[in-house]
């Protein structure tokens, strides 16, 4: 994965894009700090699909995806029955 300073990525966008398509993701830096990544669209779609499982996948998963807090139950109270008469 190659790193491109933002100025170079802007000035040589065609080369930047071709490198992404040919070599895979390309990192853009801003003031020496990684800021963004250019990825080929098929890789992006794959990442999107894997980040959002289907409802079927969620229901069939072995482990929960998140911890859910279940509130403590209080004492059961029954409603008074109305006498029919």
PDB file of N, CA and C in Angstrom:
ATOM      1  N   UNK A   1       0.862  -1.170   0.000  1.00  0.00           N
ATOM      2  CA  UNK A   1       0.000   0.000   0.000  1.00  0.00           C
ATOM      3  C   UNK A   1       0.907   1.231   0.000  1.00  0.00           C
ATOM      4  N   UNK A   2       0.751   2.024  -1.011  1.00  0.00           N
ATOM      5  CA  UNK A   2       1.575   3.219  -1.160  1.00  0.00           C
ATOM      6  C   UNK A   2       0.923   4.402  -0.451  1.00  0.00           C
ATOM      7  N   UNK A   3       1.770   5.313   0.008  1.00  0.00           N
ATOM      8  CA  UNK A   3       1.297   6.526   0.668  1.00  0.00           C
ATOM      9  C   UNK A   3       1.548   7.724  -0.234  1.00  0.00           C
ATOM     10  N   UNK A   4       0.546   8.566  -0.380  1.00  0.00           N
ATOM     11  CA  UNK A   4       0.612   9.752  -1.226  1.00  0.00           C
ATOM     12  C   UNK A   4       0.322  10.990  -0.386  1.00  0.00           C
ATOM     13  N   UNK A   5       1.203  11.982  -0.396  1.00  0.00           N
ATOM     14  CA  UNK A   5       0.847  13.261   0.221  1.00  0.00           C
ATOM     15  C   UNK A   5      -0.325  13.861  -0.563  1.00  0.00           C
ATOM     16  N   UNK A   6      -1.206  14.559   0.103  1.00  0.00           N
ATOM     17  CA  UNK A   6      -2.409  15.089  -0.544  1.00  0.00           C
ATOM     18  C   UNK A   6      -2.078  15.951  -1.767  1.00  0.00           C
ATOM     19  N   UNK A   7      -1.011  16.745  -1.703  1.00  0.00           N
ATOM     20  CA  UNK A   7      -0.650  17.590  -2.840  1.00  0.00           C
ATOM     21  C   UNK A   7      -0.302  16.736  -4.061  1.00  0.00           C
ATOM     22  N   UNK A   8       0.448  15.636  -3.852  1.00  0.00           N
ATOM     23  CA  UNK A   8       0.823  14.767  -4.957  1.00  0.00           C
ATOM     24  C   UNK A   8      -0.398  14.019  -5.497  1.00  0.00           C
ATOM     25  N   UNK A   9      -1.262  13.574  -4.603  1.00  0.00           N
ATOM     26  CA  UNK A   9      -2.475  12.866  -5.030  1.00  0.00           C
ATOM     27  C   UNK A   9      -3.348  13.780  -5.885  1.00  0.00           C
ATOM     28  N   UNK A  10      -3.439  15.054  -5.508  1.00  0.00           N
ATOM     29  CA  UNK A  10      -4.219  16.009  -6.294  1.00  0.00           C
ATOM     30  C   UNK A  10      -3.560  16.287  -7.637  1.00  0.00           C
ATOM     31  N   UNK A  11      -2.266  16.504  -7.630  1.00  0.00           N
ATOM     32  CA  UNK A  11      -1.545  16.865  -8.852  1.00  0.00           C
ATOM     33  C   UNK A  11      -1.471  15.703  -9.836  1.00  0.00           C
ATOM     34  N   UNK A  12      -1.430  14.493  -9.314  1.00  0.00           N
ATOM     35  CA  UNK A  12      -1.280  13.309 -10.175  1.00  0.00           C
ATOM     36  C   UNK A  12      -2.437  12.344  -9.971  1.00  0.00           C
ATOM     37  N   UNK A  13      -3.654  12.885  -9.994  1.00  0.00           N
ATOM     38  CA  UNK A  13      -4.821  12.061  -9.668  1.00  0.00           C
ATOM     39  C   UNK A  13      -4.956  10.842 -10.585  1.00  0.00           C
ATOM     40  N   UNK A  14      -4.692  10.993 -11.880  1.00  0.00           N
ATOM     41  CA  UNK A  14      -4.806   9.847 -12.796  1.00  0.00           C
ATOM     42  C   UNK A  14      -3.855   8.726 -12.380  1.00  0.00           C
ATOM     43  N   UNK A  15      -2.621   9.066 -12.025  1.00  0.00           N
ATOM     44  CA  UNK A  15      -1.652   8.063 -11.577  1.00  0.00           C
ATOM     45  C   UNK A  15      -2.081   7.470 -10.237  1.00  0.00           C
ATOM     46  N   UNK A  16      -2.624   8.303  -9.372  1.00  0.00           N
ATOM     47  CA  UNK A  16      -3.127   7.881  -8.065  1.00  0.00           C
ATOM     48  C   UNK A  16      -4.254   6.855  -8.250  1.00  0.00           C
ATOM     49  N   UNK A  17      -5.192   7.168  -9.140  1.00  0.00           N
ATOM     50  CA  UNK A  17      -6.304   6.275  -9.420  1.00  0.00           C
ATOM     51  C   UNK A  17      -5.819   4.966 -10.053  1.00  0.00           C
ATOM     52  N   UNK A  18      -4.934   5.051 -11.011  1.00  0.00           N
ATOM     53  CA  UNK A  18      -4.396   3.847 -11.659  1.00  0.00           C
ATOM     54  C   UNK A  18      -3.660   2.961 -10.659  1.00  0.00           C
ATOM     55  N   UNK A  19      -2.915   3.566  -9.758  1.00  0.00           N
ATOM     56  CA  UNK A  19      -2.207   2.783  -8.732  1.00  0.00           C
ATOM     57  C   UNK A  19      -3.205   2.042  -7.851  1.00  0.00           C
ATOM     58  N   UNK A  20      -4.322   2.682  -7.538  1.00  0.00           N
ATOM     59  CA  UNK A  20      -5.351   2.043  -6.732  1.00  0.00           C
ATOM     60  C   UNK A  20      -5.940   0.844  -7.461  1.00  0.00           C
ATOM     61  N   UNK A  21      -6.227   1.013  -8.741  1.00  0.00           N
ATOM     62  CA  UNK A  21      -6.820  -0.072  -9.524  1.00  0.00           C
ATOM     63  C   UNK A  21      -5.829  -1.209  -9.753  1.00  0.00           C
ATOM     64  N   UNK A  22      -4.572  -0.888  -9.922  1.00  0.00           N
ATOM     65  CA  UNK A  22      -3.541  -1.877 -10.235  1.00  0.00           C
ATOM     66  C   UNK A  22      -2.976  -2.555  -8.983  1.00  0.00           C
ATOM     67  N   UNK A  23      -2.711  -1.750  -7.941  1.00  0.00           N
ATOM     68  CA  UNK A  23      -2.001  -2.250  -6.753  1.00  0.00           C
ATOM     69  C   UNK A  23      -2.888  -2.432  -5.526  1.00  0.00           C
ATOM     70  N   UNK A  24      -4.079  -1.860  -5.541  1.00  0.00           N
ATOM     71  CA  UNK A  24      -4.956  -1.933  -4.376  1.00  0.00           C
ATOM     72  C   UNK A  24      -5.003  -0.604  -3.644  1.00  0.00           C
ATOM     73  N   UNK A  25      -5.492  -0.602  -2.415  1.00  0.00           N
ATOM     74  CA  UNK A  25      -5.698   0.638  -1.659  1.00  0.00           C
ATOM     75  C   UNK A  25      -4.460   1.539  -1.610  1.00  0.00           C
ATOM     76  N   UNK A  26      -4.704   2.850  -1.716  1.00  0.00           N
ATOM     77  CA  UNK A  26      -3.650   3.866  -1.660  1.00  0.00           C
ATOM     78  C   UNK A  26      -4.009   4.844  -0.534  1.00  0.00           C
ATOM     79  N   UNK A  27      -3.048   5.128   0.319  1.00  0.00           N
ATOM     80  CA  UNK A  27      -3.270   6.009   1.473  1.00  0.00           C
ATOM     81  C   UNK A  27      -2.901   7.440   1.105  1.00  0.00           C
ATOM     82  N   UNK A  28      -3.728   8.388   1.543  1.00  0.00           N
ATOM     83  CA  UNK A  28      -3.452   9.813   1.359  1.00  0.00           C
ATOM     84  C   UNK A  28      -3.101  10.392   2.726  1.00  0.00           C
ATOM     85  N   UNK A  29      -2.022  11.154   2.768  1.00  0.00           N
ATOM     86  CA  UNK A  29      -1.635  11.787   4.020  1.00  0.00           C
ATOM     87  C   UNK A  29      -1.820  13.303   3.921  1.00  0.00           C
ATOM     88  N   UNK A  30      -2.143  13.890   5.045  1.00  0.00           N
ATOM     89  CA  UNK A  30      -2.284  15.339   5.145  1.00  0.00           C
ATOM     90  C   UNK A  30      -1.386  15.782   6.283  1.00  0.00           C
ATOM     91  N   UNK A  31      -0.372  16.562   5.948  1.00  0.00           N
ATOM     92  CA  UNK A  31       0.635  17.009   6.913  1.00  0.00           C
ATOM     93  C   UNK A  31       1.297  15.820   7.614  1.00  0.00           C
ATOM     94  N   UNK A  32       1.518  14.746   6.833  1.00  0.00           N
ATOM     95  CA  UNK A  32       2.205  13.571   7.359  1.00  0.00           C
ATOM     96  C   UNK A  32       1.347  12.596   8.132  1.00  0.00           C
ATOM     97  N   UNK A  33       0.055  12.895   8.273  1.00  0.00           N
ATOM     98  CA  UNK A  33      -0.845  12.023   9.024  1.00  0.00           C
ATOM     99  C   UNK A  33      -1.812  11.351   8.043  1.00  0.00           C
ATOM    100  N   UNK A  34      -1.984  10.039   8.165  1.00  0.00           N
ATOM    101  CA  UNK A  34      -2.908   9.328   7.294  1.00  0.00           C
ATOM    102  C   UNK A  34      -4.301   9.923   7.424  1.00  0.00           C
ATOM    103  N   UNK A  35      -4.913  10.274   6.269  1.00  0.00           N
ATOM    104  CA  UNK A  35      -6.201  10.952   6.299  1.00  0.00           C
ATOM    105  C   UNK A  35      -7.298  10.179   5.568  1.00  0.00           C
ATOM    106  N   UNK A  36      -6.944   9.464   4.484  1.00  0.00           N
ATOM    107  CA  UNK A  36      -7.962   8.777   3.695  1.00  0.00           C
ATOM    108  C   UNK A  36      -7.317   7.642   2.916  1.00  0.00           C
ATOM    109  N   UNK A  37      -8.178   6.809   2.332  1.00  0.00           N
ATOM    110  CA  UNK A  37      -7.716   5.699   1.514  1.00  0.00           C
ATOM    111  C   UNK A  37      -8.565   5.637   0.251  1.00  0.00           C
ATOM    112  N   UNK A  38      -7.916   5.479  -0.884  1.00  0.00           N
ATOM    113  CA  UNK A  38      -8.618   5.263  -2.140  1.00  0.00           C
ATOM    114  C   UNK A  38      -8.564   3.774  -2.429  1.00  0.00           C
ATOM    115  N   UNK A  39      -9.753   3.153  -2.559  1.00  0.00           N
ATOM    116  CA  UNK A  39      -9.820   1.713  -2.823  1.00  0.00           C
ATOM    117  C   UNK A  39     -10.627   1.462  -4.091  1.00  0.00           C
ATOM    118  N   UNK A  40     -10.334   0.394  -4.818  1.00  0.00           N
ATOM    119  CA  UNK A  40     -11.152   0.043  -5.979  1.00  0.00           C
ATOM    120  C   UNK A  40     -12.591  -0.240  -5.551  1.00  0.00           C
ATOM    121  N   UNK A  41     -13.544   0.070  -6.409  1.00  0.00           N
ATOM    122  CA  UNK A  41     -14.954  -0.027  -6.055  1.00  0.00           C
ATOM    123  C   UNK A  41     -15.369  -1.448  -5.669  1.00  0.00           C
ATOM    124  N   UNK A  42     -14.841  -2.461  -6.316  1.00  0.00           N
ATOM    125  CA  UNK A  42     -15.219  -3.827  -5.946  1.00  0.00           C
ATOM    126  C   UNK A  42     -14.761  -4.173  -4.517  1.00  0.00           C
ATOM    127  N   UNK A  43     -13.597  -3.697  -4.141  1.00  0.00           N
ATOM    128  CA  UNK A  43     -13.127  -3.918  -2.771  1.00  0.00           C
ATOM    129  C   UNK A  43     -14.016  -3.177  -1.778  1.00  0.00           C
ATOM    130  N   UNK A  44     -14.421  -1.971  -2.140  1.00  0.00           N
ATOM    131  CA  UNK A  44     -15.314  -1.174  -1.288  1.00  0.00           C
ATOM    132  C   UNK A  44     -16.644  -1.905  -1.101  1.00  0.00           C
ATOM    133  N   UNK A  45     -17.205  -2.427  -2.180  1.00  0.00           N
ATOM    134  CA  UNK A  45     -18.478  -3.157  -2.081  1.00  0.00           C
ATOM    135  C   UNK A  45     -18.338  -4.383  -1.193  1.00  0.00           C
ATOM    136  N   UNK A  46     -17.222  -5.089  -1.326  1.00  0.00           N
ATOM    137  CA  UNK A  46     -16.975  -6.257  -0.477  1.00  0.00           C
ATOM    138  C   UNK A  46     -16.918  -5.847   1.000  1.00  0.00           C
ATOM    139  N   UNK A  47     -16.226  -4.752   1.283  1.00  0.00           N
ATOM    140  CA  UNK A  47     -16.141  -4.255   2.663  1.00  0.00           C
ATOM    141  C   UNK A  47     -17.515  -3.860   3.194  1.00  0.00           C
ATOM    142  N   UNK A  48     -18.319  -3.229   2.355  1.00  0.00           N
ATOM    143  CA  UNK A  48     -19.665  -2.824   2.768  1.00  0.00           C
ATOM    144  C   UNK A  48     -20.523  -4.045   3.080  1.00  0.00           C
ATOM    145  N   UNK A  49     -20.475  -5.056   2.217  1.00  0.00           N
ATOM    146  CA  UNK A  49     -21.271  -6.269   2.445  1.00  0.00           C
ATOM    147  C   UNK A  49     -20.848  -6.973   3.728  1.00  0.00           C
ATOM    148  N   UNK A  50     -19.556  -7.056   3.972  1.00  0.00           N
ATOM    149  CA  UNK A  50     -19.088  -7.769   5.164  1.00  0.00           C
ATOM    150  C   UNK A  50     -19.348  -6.975   6.438  1.00  0.00           C
ATOM    151  N   UNK A  51     -19.504  -5.673   6.326  1.00  0.00           N
ATOM    152  CA  UNK A  51     -19.767  -4.842   7.508  1.00  0.00           C
ATOM    153  C   UNK A  51     -21.240  -4.900   7.910  1.00  0.00           C
ATOM    154  N   UNK A  52     -22.121  -5.244   6.971  1.00  0.00           N
ATOM    155  CA  UNK A  52     -23.556  -5.293   7.246  1.00  0.00           C
ATOM    156  C   UNK A  52     -24.101  -6.693   6.979  1.00  0.00           C
ATOM    157  N   UNK A  53     -24.096  -7.552   7.985  1.00  0.00           N
ATOM    158  CA  UNK A  53     -24.633  -8.889   7.757  1.00  0.00           C
ATOM    159  C   UNK A  53     -26.149  -8.840   7.553  1.00  0.00           C
ATOM    160  N   UNK A  54     -26.674  -9.846   6.886  1.00  0.00           N
ATOM    161  CA  UNK A  54     -28.112  -9.927   6.674  1.00  0.00           C
ATOM    162  C   UNK A  54     -28.797 -10.328   7.978  1.00  0.00           C
ATOM    163  N   UNK A  55     -30.105 -10.154   8.025  1.00  0.00           N
ATOM    164  CA  UNK A  55     -30.866 -10.558   9.198  1.00  0.00           C
ATOM    165  C   UNK A  55     -30.698 -12.055   9.444  1.00  0.00           C
ATOM    166  N   UNK A  56     -30.701 -12.826   8.378  1.00  0.00           N
ATOM    167  CA  UNK A  56     -30.513 -14.278   8.508  1.00  0.00           C
ATOM    168  C   UNK A  56     -29.171 -14.585   9.155  1.00  0.00           C
ATOM    169  N   UNK A  57     -28.106 -13.913   8.710  1.00  0.00           N
ATOM    170  CA  UNK A  57     -26.781 -14.137   9.290  1.00  0.00           C
ATOM    171  C   UNK A  57     -26.755 -13.751  10.769  1.00  0.00           C
ATOM    172  N   UNK A  58     -27.425 -12.655  11.117  1.00  0.00           N
ATOM    173  CA  UNK A  58     -27.475 -12.238  12.520  1.00  0.00           C
ATOM    174  C   UNK A  58     -28.199 -13.266  13.378  1.00  0.00           C
ATOM    175  N   UNK A  59     -29.324 -13.764  12.877  1.00  0.00           N
ATOM    176  CA  UNK A  59     -30.105 -14.724  13.653  1.00  0.00           C
ATOM    177  C   UNK A  59     -29.409 -16.078  13.798  1.00  0.00           C
ATOM    178  N   UNK A  60     -28.611 -16.455  12.803  1.00  0.00           N
ATOM    179  CA  UNK A  60     -27.932 -17.742  12.848  1.00  0.00           C
ATOM    180  C   UNK A  60     -26.530 -17.676  13.459  1.00  0.00           C
ATOM    181  N   UNK A  61     -26.082 -16.490  13.835  1.00  0.00           N
ATOM    182  CA  UNK A  61     -24.730 -16.325  14.374  1.00  0.00           C
ATOM    183  C   UNK A  61     -24.589 -17.059  15.707  1.00  0.00           C
ATOM    184  N   UNK A  62     -23.398 -17.595  15.951  1.00  0.00           N
ATOM    185  CA  UNK A  62     -23.119 -18.309  17.193  1.00  0.00           C
ATOM    186  C   UNK A  62     -23.034 -17.377  18.398  1.00  0.00           C
ATOM    187  N   UNK A  63     -22.559 -16.175  18.161  1.00  0.00           N
ATOM    188  CA  UNK A  63     -22.375 -15.223  19.261  1.00  0.00           C
ATOM    189  C   UNK A  63     -23.163 -13.951  18.996  1.00  0.00           C
ATOM    190  N   UNK A  64     -23.598 -13.283  20.051  1.00  0.00           N
ATOM    191  CA  UNK A  64     -24.322 -12.023  19.855  1.00  0.00           C
ATOM    192  C   UNK A  64     -23.390 -10.946  19.309  1.00  0.00           C
ATOM    193  N   UNK A  65     -23.934 -10.000  18.552  1.00  0.00           N
ATOM    194  CA  UNK A  65     -23.132  -8.919  17.986  1.00  0.00           C
ATOM    195  C   UNK A  65     -22.954  -7.780  18.976  1.00  0.00           C
ATOM    196  N   UNK A  66     -23.777  -7.727  19.985  1.00  0.00           N
ATOM    197  CA  UNK A  66     -23.666  -6.648  20.969  1.00  0.00           C
ATOM    198  C   UNK A  66     -24.191  -7.150  22.306  1.00  0.00           C
ATOM    199  N   UNK A  67     -23.714  -6.554  23.346  1.00  0.00           N
ATOM    200  CA  UNK A  67     -24.206  -6.881  24.677  1.00  0.00           C
ATOM    201  C   UNK A  67     -25.468  -6.075  24.931  1.00  0.00           C
ATOM    202  N   UNK A  68     -26.506  -6.740  25.348  1.00  0.00           N
ATOM    203  CA  UNK A  68     -27.760  -6.048  25.649  1.00  0.00           C
ATOM    204  C   UNK A  68     -27.984  -6.082  27.150  1.00  0.00           C
ATOM    205  N   UNK A  69     -28.319  -4.959  27.696  1.00  0.00           N
ATOM    206  CA  UNK A  69     -28.635  -4.880  29.105  1.00  0.00           C
ATOM    207  C   UNK A  69     -30.107  -5.260  29.291  1.00  0.00           C
ATOM    208  N   UNK A  70     -30.354  -6.264  30.105  1.00  0.00           N
ATOM    209  CA  UNK A  70     -31.719  -6.673  30.394  1.00  0.00           C
ATOM    210  C   UNK A  70     -32.058  -6.115  31.769  1.00  0.00           C
ATOM    211  N   UNK A  71     -33.088  -5.274  31.838  1.00  0.00           N
ATOM    212  CA  UNK A  71     -33.424  -4.683  33.139  1.00  0.00           C
ATOM    213  C   UNK A  71     -33.892  -5.756  34.122  1.00  0.00           C
ATOM    214  N   UNK A  72     -33.581  -5.542  35.383  1.00  0.00           N
ATOM    215  CA  UNK A  72     -34.005  -6.475  36.425  1.00  0.00           C
ATOM    216  C   UNK A  72     -35.525  -6.428  36.529  1.00  0.00           C
ATOM    217  N   UNK A  73     -36.108  -7.591  36.740  1.00  0.00           N
ATOM    218  CA  UNK A  73     -37.554  -7.637  36.860  1.00  0.00           C
ATOM    219  C   UNK A  73     -37.944  -7.395  38.306  1.00  0.00           C
ATOM    220  N   UNK A  74     -38.975  -6.642  38.490  1.00  0.00           N
ATOM    221  CA  UNK A  74     -39.487  -6.397  39.842  1.00  0.00           C
ATOM    222  C   UNK A  74     -40.398  -7.537  40.259  1.00  0.00           C
ATOM    223  N   UNK A  75     -40.978  -7.397  41.423  1.00  0.00           N
ATOM    224  CA  UNK A  75     -41.907  -8.429  41.887  1.00  0.00           C
ATOM    225  C   UNK A  75     -43.126  -8.430  40.998  1.00  0.00           C
ATOM    226  N   UNK A  76     -43.610  -9.623  40.742  1.00  0.00           N
ATOM    227  CA  UNK A  76     -44.804  -9.731  39.913  1.00  0.00           C
ATOM    228  C   UNK A  76     -46.018  -9.254  40.690  1.00  0.00           C
ATOM    229  N   UNK A  77     -46.804  -8.449  40.045  1.00  0.00           N
ATOM    230  CA  UNK A  77     -48.052  -7.997  40.666  1.00  0.00           C
ATOM    231  C   UNK A  77     -49.195  -8.399  39.748  1.00  0.00           C
ATOM    232  N   UNK A  78     -50.166  -8.996  40.329  1.00  0.00           N
ATOM    233  CA  UNK A  78     -51.318  -9.395  39.538  1.00  0.00           C
ATOM    234  C   UNK A  78     -52.414  -8.360  39.689  1.00  0.00           C
ATOM    235  N   UNK A  79     -53.101  -8.169  38.605  1.00  0.00           N
ATOM    236  CA  UNK A  79     -54.234  -7.248  38.669  1.00  0.00           C
ATOM    237  C   UNK A  79     -55.372  -7.920  39.413  1.00  0.00           C
ATOM    238  N   UNK A  80     -56.108  -7.099  40.129  1.00  0.00           N
ATOM    239  CA  UNK A  80     -57.286  -7.632  40.823  1.00  0.00           C
ATOM    240  C   UNK A  80     -58.306  -7.984  39.769  1.00  0.00           C
ATOM    241  N   UNK A  81     -58.898  -9.155  39.922  1.00  0.00           N
ATOM    242  CA  UNK A  81     -59.902  -9.589  38.966  1.00  0.00           C
ATOM    243  C   UNK A  81     -61.228  -8.910  39.252  1.00  0.00           C
ATOM    244  N   UNK A  82     -61.840  -8.478  38.227  1.00  0.00           N
ATOM    245  CA  UNK A  82     -63.170  -7.879  38.397  1.00  0.00           C
ATOM    246  C   UNK A  82     -64.192  -9.006  38.468  1.00  0.00           C
ATOM    247  N   UNK A  83     -65.056  -8.932  39.454  1.00  0.00           N
ATOM    248  CA  UNK A  83     -66.121  -9.954  39.573  1.00  0.00           C
ATOM    249  C   UNK A  83     -67.204  -9.661  38.565  1.00  0.00           C
ATOM    250  N   UNK A  84     -67.526 -10.677  37.802  1.00  0.00           N
ATOM    251  CA  UNK A  84     -68.625 -10.472  36.841  1.00  0.00           C
ATOM    252  C   UNK A  84     -69.942 -10.815  37.547  1.00  0.00           C
ATOM    253  N   UNK A  85     -70.916 -10.067  37.354  1.00  0.00           N
ATOM    254  CA  UNK A  85     -72.075 -10.324  38.147  1.00  0.00           C
ATOM    255  C   UNK A  85     -73.309  -9.894  37.654  1.00  0.00           C
TER     256      UNK A  85
END
